[in-house]
Amino acid sequence: MPQLNPGPWFKILVYAWELFLTIIPTKILNYTSPNKPTPVSAKKHKTGAWYWPWS
């Protein structure tokens, strides 16, 4: 039964995990977002009463 021979499958497993743990995270971390976060001002927003347009 060739399915029980772990020889080639173990190498594939090791290479796949090496790919996932080394190459892919560096590519994801190098991604830069086009929208930079803007600082939020500390002033309070003016809130008023809510009036329904039909009442």
PDB file of N, CA and C in Angstrom:
ATOM      1  N   MET A   1       0.845  -1.183   0.000  1.00  0.00           N
ATOM      2  CA  MET A   1       0.000   0.000   0.000  1.00  0.00           C
ATOM      3  C   MET A   1       0.890   1.246   0.000  1.00  0.00           C
ATOM      4  N   PRO A   2       1.012   1.932  -1.106  1.00  0.00           N
ATOM      5  CA  PRO A   2       1.916   3.078  -1.173  1.00  0.00           C
ATOM      6  C   PRO A   2       1.434   4.287  -0.365  1.00  0.00           C
ATOM      7  N   GLN A   3       0.163   4.328   0.026  1.00  0.00           N
ATOM      8  CA  GLN A   3      -0.339   5.459   0.794  1.00  0.00           C
ATOM      9  C   GLN A   3       0.314   5.536   2.174  1.00  0.00           C
ATOM     10  N   LEU A   4       0.779   4.390   2.684  1.00  0.00           N
ATOM     11  CA  LEU A   4       1.338   4.361   4.026  1.00  0.00           C
ATOM     12  C   LEU A   4       2.816   4.734   4.062  1.00  0.00           C
ATOM     13  N   ASN A   5       3.432   4.959   2.925  1.00  0.00           N
ATOM     14  CA  ASN A   5       4.830   5.356   2.882  1.00  0.00           C
ATOM     15  C   ASN A   5       4.912   6.859   3.140  1.00  0.00           C
ATOM     16  N   PRO A   6       5.425   7.287   4.316  1.00  0.00           N
ATOM     17  CA  PRO A   6       5.429   8.715   4.648  1.00  0.00           C
ATOM     18  C   PRO A   6       6.571   9.497   4.003  1.00  0.00           C
ATOM     19  N   GLY A   7       7.460   8.823   3.295  1.00  0.00           N
ATOM     20  CA  GLY A   7       8.646   9.468   2.737  1.00  0.00           C
ATOM     21  C   GLY A   7       8.367  10.717   1.924  1.00  0.00           C
ATOM     22  N   PRO A   8       7.726  10.637   0.774  1.00  0.00           N
ATOM     23  CA  PRO A   8       7.544  11.854  -0.032  1.00  0.00           C
ATOM     24  C   PRO A   8       6.532  12.819   0.578  1.00  0.00           C
ATOM     25  N   TRP A   9       5.545  12.318   1.294  1.00  0.00           N
ATOM     26  CA  TRP A   9       4.511  13.204   1.844  1.00  0.00           C
ATOM     27  C   TRP A   9       5.030  14.031   2.997  1.00  0.00           C
ATOM     28  N   PHE A  10       5.964  13.489   3.756  1.00  0.00           N
ATOM     29  CA  PHE A  10       6.539  14.259   4.851  1.00  0.00           C
ATOM     30  C   PHE A  10       7.350  15.436   4.320  1.00  0.00           C
ATOM     31  N   LYS A  11       8.104  15.230   3.224  1.00  0.00           N
ATOM     32  CA  LYS A  11       8.851  16.329   2.606  1.00  0.00           C
ATOM     33  C   LYS A  11       7.897  17.409   2.097  1.00  0.00           C
ATOM     34  N   ILE A  12       6.811  16.998   1.484  1.00  0.00           N
ATOM     35  CA  ILE A  12       5.822  17.958   0.990  1.00  0.00           C
ATOM     36  C   ILE A  12       5.228  18.741   2.146  1.00  0.00           C
ATOM     37  N   LEU A  13       4.924  18.074   3.242  1.00  0.00           N
ATOM     38  CA  LEU A  13       4.383  18.746   4.426  1.00  0.00           C
ATOM     39  C   LEU A  13       5.383  19.758   4.979  1.00  0.00           C
ATOM     40  N   VAL A  14       6.633  19.374   5.090  1.00  0.00           N
ATOM     41  CA  VAL A  14       7.655  20.278   5.623  1.00  0.00           C
ATOM     42  C   VAL A  14       7.841  21.477   4.708  1.00  0.00           C
ATOM     43  N   TYR A  15       7.904  21.254   3.403  1.00  0.00           N
ATOM     44  CA  TYR A  15       8.068  22.369   2.465  1.00  0.00           C
ATOM     45  C   TYR A  15       6.858  23.296   2.469  1.00  0.00           C
ATOM     46  N   ALA A  16       5.668  22.744   2.600  1.00  0.00           N
ATOM     47  CA  ALA A  16       4.467  23.583   2.648  1.00  0.00           C
ATOM     48  C   ALA A  16       4.479  24.456   3.898  1.00  0.00           C
ATOM     49  N   TRP A  17       4.838  23.885   5.048  1.00  0.00           N
ATOM     50  CA  TRP A  17       4.887  24.682   6.269  1.00  0.00           C
ATOM     51  C   TRP A  17       6.003  25.713   6.215  1.00  0.00           C
ATOM     52  N   GLU A  18       7.104  25.372   5.581  1.00  0.00           N
ATOM     53  CA  GLU A  18       8.183  26.349   5.425  1.00  0.00           C
ATOM     54  C   GLU A  18       7.707  27.529   4.575  1.00  0.00           C
ATOM     55  N   LEU A  19       6.941  27.231   3.543  1.00  0.00           N
ATOM     56  CA  LEU A  19       6.377  28.287   2.707  1.00  0.00           C
ATOM     57  C   LEU A  19       5.412  29.151   3.506  1.00  0.00           C
ATOM     58  N   PHE A  20       4.533  28.521   4.257  1.00  0.00           N
ATOM     59  CA  PHE A  20       3.534  29.268   5.026  1.00  0.00           C
ATOM     60  C   PHE A  20       4.175  30.118   6.121  1.00  0.00           C
ATOM     61  N   LEU A  21       5.246  29.640   6.724  1.00  0.00           N
ATOM     62  CA  LEU A  21       5.830  30.344   7.869  1.00  0.00           C
ATOM     63  C   LEU A  21       6.912  31.351   7.501  1.00  0.00           C
ATOM     64  N   THR A  22       7.439  31.300   6.281  1.00  0.00           N
ATOM     65  CA  THR A  22       8.513  32.233   5.932  1.00  0.00           C
ATOM     66  C   THR A  22       8.135  33.191   4.817  1.00  0.00           C
ATOM     67  N   ILE A  23       7.631  32.697   3.737  1.00  0.00           N
ATOM     68  CA  ILE A  23       7.415  33.549   2.560  1.00  0.00           C
ATOM     69  C   ILE A  23       6.105  34.316   2.638  1.00  0.00           C
ATOM     70  N   ILE A  24       5.027  33.655   2.942  1.00  0.00           N
ATOM     71  CA  ILE A  24       3.707  34.292   2.913  1.00  0.00           C
ATOM     72  C   ILE A  24       3.569  35.400   3.966  1.00  0.00           C
ATOM     73  N   PRO A  25       3.991  35.219   5.236  1.00  0.00           N
ATOM     74  CA  PRO A  25       3.865  36.332   6.199  1.00  0.00           C
ATOM     75  C   PRO A  25       4.660  37.566   5.799  1.00  0.00           C
ATOM     76  N   THR A  26       5.834  37.392   5.197  1.00  0.00           N
ATOM     77  CA  THR A  26       6.605  38.572   4.796  1.00  0.00           C
ATOM     78  C   THR A  26       5.908  39.325   3.679  1.00  0.00           C
ATOM     79  N   LYS A  27       5.261  38.614   2.777  1.00  0.00           N
ATOM     80  CA  LYS A  27       4.535  39.292   1.702  1.00  0.00           C
ATOM     81  C   LYS A  27       3.315  40.031   2.250  1.00  0.00           C
ATOM     82  N   ILE A  28       2.641  39.452   3.234  1.00  0.00           N
ATOM     83  CA  ILE A  28       1.462  40.096   3.815  1.00  0.00           C
ATOM     84  C   ILE A  28       1.881  41.319   4.638  1.00  0.00           C
ATOM     85  N   LEU A  29       2.971  41.212   5.388  1.00  0.00           N
ATOM     86  CA  LEU A  29       3.405  42.328   6.222  1.00  0.00           C
ATOM     87  C   LEU A  29       3.961  43.477   5.392  1.00  0.00           C
ATOM     88  N   ASN A  30       4.421  43.220   4.172  1.00  0.00           N
ATOM     89  CA  ASN A  30       4.919  44.286   3.310  1.00  0.00           C
ATOM     90  C   ASN A  30       3.794  45.041   2.620  1.00  0.00           C
ATOM     91  N   TYR A  31       2.584  44.552   2.705  1.00  0.00           N
ATOM     92  CA  TYR A  31       1.444  45.212   2.074  1.00  0.00           C
ATOM     93  C   TYR A  31       1.153  46.512   2.817  1.00  0.00           C
ATOM     94  N   THR A  32       1.003  47.582   2.064  1.00  0.00           N
ATOM     95  CA  THR A  32       0.675  48.867   2.682  1.00  0.00           C
ATOM     96  C   THR A  32      -0.736  49.264   2.300  1.00  0.00           C
ATOM     97  N   SER A  33      -1.446  49.779   3.245  1.00  0.00           N
ATOM     98  CA  SER A  33      -2.822  50.190   3.010  1.00  0.00           C
ATOM     99  C   SER A  33      -2.835  51.531   2.289  1.00  0.00           C
ATOM    100  N   PRO A  34      -3.705  51.709   1.294  1.00  0.00           N
ATOM    101  CA  PRO A  34      -3.759  52.997   0.599  1.00  0.00           C
ATOM    102  C   PRO A  34      -4.372  54.101   1.459  1.00  0.00           C
ATOM    103  N   ASN A  35      -5.139  53.745   2.469  1.00  0.00           N
ATOM    104  CA  ASN A  35      -5.794  54.737   3.335  1.00  0.00           C
ATOM    105  C   ASN A  35      -5.066  54.782   4.673  1.00  0.00           C
ATOM    106  N   LYS A  36      -4.336  55.843   4.887  1.00  0.00           N
ATOM    107  CA  LYS A  36      -3.636  56.006   6.156  1.00  0.00           C
ATOM    108  C   LYS A  36      -4.625  56.438   7.233  1.00  0.00           C
ATOM    109  N   PRO A  37      -4.505  55.932   8.449  1.00  0.00           N
ATOM    110  CA  PRO A  37      -5.421  56.339   9.514  1.00  0.00           C
ATOM    111  C   PRO A  37      -5.185  57.800   9.898  1.00  0.00           C
ATOM    112  N   THR A  38      -6.253  58.504  10.124  1.00  0.00           N
ATOM    113  CA  THR A  38      -6.155  59.901  10.527  1.00  0.00           C
ATOM    114  C   THR A  38      -6.441  60.003  12.023  1.00  0.00           C
ATOM    115  N   PRO A  39      -5.736  60.874  12.722  1.00  0.00           N
ATOM    116  CA  PRO A  39      -5.992  61.017  14.163  1.00  0.00           C
ATOM    117  C   PRO A  39      -7.367  61.641  14.404  1.00  0.00           C
ATOM    118  N   VAL A  40      -8.021  61.177  15.436  1.00  0.00           N
ATOM    119  CA  VAL A  40      -9.346  61.669  15.786  1.00  0.00           C
ATOM    120  C   VAL A  40      -9.190  62.855  16.725  1.00  0.00           C
ATOM    121  N   SER A  41      -9.957  63.904  16.471  1.00  0.00           N
ATOM    122  CA  SER A  41      -9.865  65.075  17.339  1.00  0.00           C
ATOM    123  C   SER A  41     -10.553  64.794  18.673  1.00  0.00           C
ATOM    124  N   ALA A  42     -10.120  65.504  19.696  1.00  0.00           N
ATOM    125  CA  ALA A  42     -10.637  65.271  21.037  1.00  0.00           C
ATOM    126  C   ALA A  42     -11.901  66.070  21.320  1.00  0.00           C
ATOM    127  N   LYS A  43     -12.312  66.961  20.410  1.00  0.00           N
ATOM    128  CA  LYS A  43     -13.489  67.786  20.702  1.00  0.00           C
ATOM    129  C   LYS A  43     -14.768  66.956  20.590  1.00  0.00           C
ATOM    130  N   LYS A  44     -15.741  67.333  21.374  1.00  0.00           N
ATOM    131  CA  LYS A  44     -17.019  66.629  21.395  1.00  0.00           C
ATOM    132  C   LYS A  44     -17.858  67.053  20.200  1.00  0.00           C
ATOM    133  N   HIS A  45     -18.589  66.100  19.663  1.00  0.00           N
ATOM    134  CA  HIS A  45     -19.500  66.421  18.575  1.00  0.00           C
ATOM    135  C   HIS A  45     -20.797  66.986  19.143  1.00  0.00           C
ATOM    136  N   LYS A  46     -21.331  67.950  18.457  1.00  0.00           N
ATOM    137  CA  LYS A  46     -22.572  68.562  18.930  1.00  0.00           C
ATOM    138  C   LYS A  46     -23.732  67.650  18.535  1.00  0.00           C
ATOM    139  N   THR A  47     -24.446  67.203  19.532  1.00  0.00           N
ATOM    140  CA  THR A  47     -25.585  66.336  19.271  1.00  0.00           C
ATOM    141  C   THR A  47     -26.862  67.081  19.621  1.00  0.00           C
ATOM    142  N   GLY A  48     -27.871  66.850  18.831  1.00  0.00           N
ATOM    143  CA  GLY A  48     -29.163  67.498  19.081  1.00  0.00           C
ATOM    144  C   GLY A  48     -30.266  66.466  19.137  1.00  0.00           C
ATOM    145  N   ALA A  49     -31.468  66.959  19.352  1.00  0.00           N
ATOM    146  CA  ALA A  49     -32.621  66.061  19.410  1.00  0.00           C
ATOM    147  C   ALA A  49     -32.914  65.537  18.010  1.00  0.00           C
ATOM    148  N   TRP A  50     -33.443  64.343  17.941  1.00  0.00           N
ATOM    149  CA  TRP A  50     -33.794  63.732  16.670  1.00  0.00           C
ATOM    150  C   TRP A  50     -35.284  63.924  16.422  1.00  0.00           C
ATOM    151  N   TYR A  51     -35.621  64.502  15.297  1.00  0.00           N
ATOM    152  CA  TYR A  51     -37.015  64.692  14.948  1.00  0.00           C
ATOM    153  C   TYR A  51     -37.346  63.851  13.729  1.00  0.00           C
ATOM    154  N   TRP A  52     -38.369  63.047  13.856  1.00  0.00           N
ATOM    155  CA  TRP A  52     -38.792  62.231  12.716  1.00  0.00           C
ATOM    156  C   TRP A  52     -39.502  63.140  11.709  1.00  0.00           C
ATOM    157  N   PRO A  53     -39.244  62.970  10.433  1.00  0.00           N
ATOM    158  CA  PRO A  53     -39.820  63.872   9.438  1.00  0.00           C
ATOM    159  C   PRO A  53     -41.335  63.742   9.298  1.00  0.00           C
ATOM    160  N   TRP A  54     -41.927  62.661   9.728  1.00  0.00           N
ATOM    161  CA  TRP A  54     -43.372  62.481   9.554  1.00  0.00           C
ATOM    162  C   TRP A  54     -44.177  62.786  10.809  1.00  0.00           C
ATOM    163  N   SER A  55     -43.536  63.237  11.887  1.00  0.00           N
ATOM    164  CA  SER A  55     -44.318  63.525  13.107  1.00  0.00           C
ATOM    165  C   SER A  55     -44.348  64.983  13.422  1.00  0.00           C
TER     166      SER A  55
END
